[in-house]
Amino acid sequence: MGGLHLTRVDRALKAGLQISPLRKTTRDTLAWHLARPAAEREKLKAGIDSEREREVLTAWHAKDRGTPG
């Protein structure tokens, strides 16, 4: 995870940061997301579109078989 876990949080804790349990953070984030307008929720996308995924997988499988993609 790179340097994420090497980051010191002492100053943030002294300033009042409270670390919430992952379950609470996840639940609260989902509730926030579901409360957003539909148009905003639909904008949130992750990953690549299905056509690009198909291209990448085809090339990967071809490489695995030793044939040109």
Protein backbone atom coordinates (compact mmCIF):
# COMPACT_ATOMS: atom_id res chain seq x y z
CA MET A 1 0.00 0.00 0.00
CA GLY A 2 2.83 2.39 -0.61
CA GLY A 3 3.36 5.02 2.04
CA LEU A 4 -0.24 5.21 3.22
CA HIS A 5 0.45 3.20 6.35
CA LEU A 6 3.67 5.08 7.02
CA THR A 7 1.87 8.40 7.36
CA ARG A 8 1.94 9.85 10.84
CA VAL A 9 -1.40 11.02 12.21
CA ASP A 10 -0.28 12.41 15.55
CA ARG A 11 -1.11 16.03 14.66
CA ALA A 12 -4.54 15.09 13.32
CA LEU A 13 -5.35 13.10 16.46
CA LYS A 14 -4.19 15.95 18.68
CA ALA A 15 -6.41 18.30 16.65
CA GLY A 16 -9.43 16.12 17.41
CA LEU A 17 -9.59 13.57 14.61
CA GLN A 18 -11.53 10.54 15.71
CA ILE A 19 -11.03 7.33 13.76
CA SER A 20 -14.28 5.49 13.15
CA PRO A 21 -14.62 1.73 12.77
CA LEU A 22 -14.58 0.59 9.14
CA ARG A 23 -18.14 -0.79 9.40
CA LYS A 24 -19.47 2.63 10.48
CA THR A 25 -17.49 4.48 7.81
CA THR A 26 -18.74 2.11 5.12
CA ARG A 27 -22.36 2.34 6.30
CA ASP A 28 -22.24 6.15 6.52
CA THR A 29 -20.61 6.49 3.10
CA LEU A 30 -23.24 4.26 1.49
CA ALA A 31 -26.05 6.21 3.18
CA TRP A 32 -24.54 9.48 1.94
CA HIS A 33 -24.21 8.12 -1.60
CA LEU A 34 -27.77 6.78 -1.70
CA ALA A 35 -29.11 10.14 -0.45
CA ARG A 36 -27.51 11.96 -3.41
CA PRO A 37 -29.66 12.82 -6.46
CA ALA A 38 -29.88 10.00 -9.02
CA ALA A 39 -27.96 12.02 -11.60
CA GLU A 40 -25.06 12.38 -9.19
CA ARG A 41 -25.12 8.71 -8.19
CA GLU A 42 -25.02 7.67 -11.83
CA LYS A 43 -21.89 9.75 -12.45
CA LEU A 44 -19.94 7.65 -9.96
CA LYS A 45 -18.27 5.00 -12.07
CA ALA A 46 -15.25 2.83 -11.53
CA GLY A 47 -13.22 0.73 -13.88
CA ILE A 48 -13.22 0.64 -17.64
CA ASP A 49 -16.13 0.25 -20.03
CA SER A 50 -17.06 -3.24 -21.18
CA GLU A 51 -15.63 -2.80 -24.69
CA ARG A 52 -12.21 -1.78 -23.35
CA GLU A 53 -12.32 -4.63 -20.84
CA ARG A 54 -12.99 -7.07 -23.68
CA GLU A 55 -10.00 -5.69 -25.63
CA VAL A 56 -7.69 -5.94 -22.63
CA LEU A 57 -8.78 -9.48 -21.78
CA THR A 58 -8.43 -10.61 -25.40
CA ALA A 59 -4.88 -9.25 -25.53
CA TRP A 60 -4.05 -10.79 -22.15
CA HIS A 61 -5.36 -14.22 -23.14
CA ALA A 62 -3.53 -14.03 -26.48
CA LYS A 63 -0.29 -13.19 -24.68
CA ASP A 64 -0.87 -16.10 -22.31
CA ARG A 65 -1.21 -18.41 -25.33
CA GLY A 66 1.86 -16.87 -26.96
CA THR A 67 -0.09 -15.49 -29.92
CA PRO A 68 -0.29 -11.86 -31.01
CA GLY A 69 -3.27 -9.91 -29.59
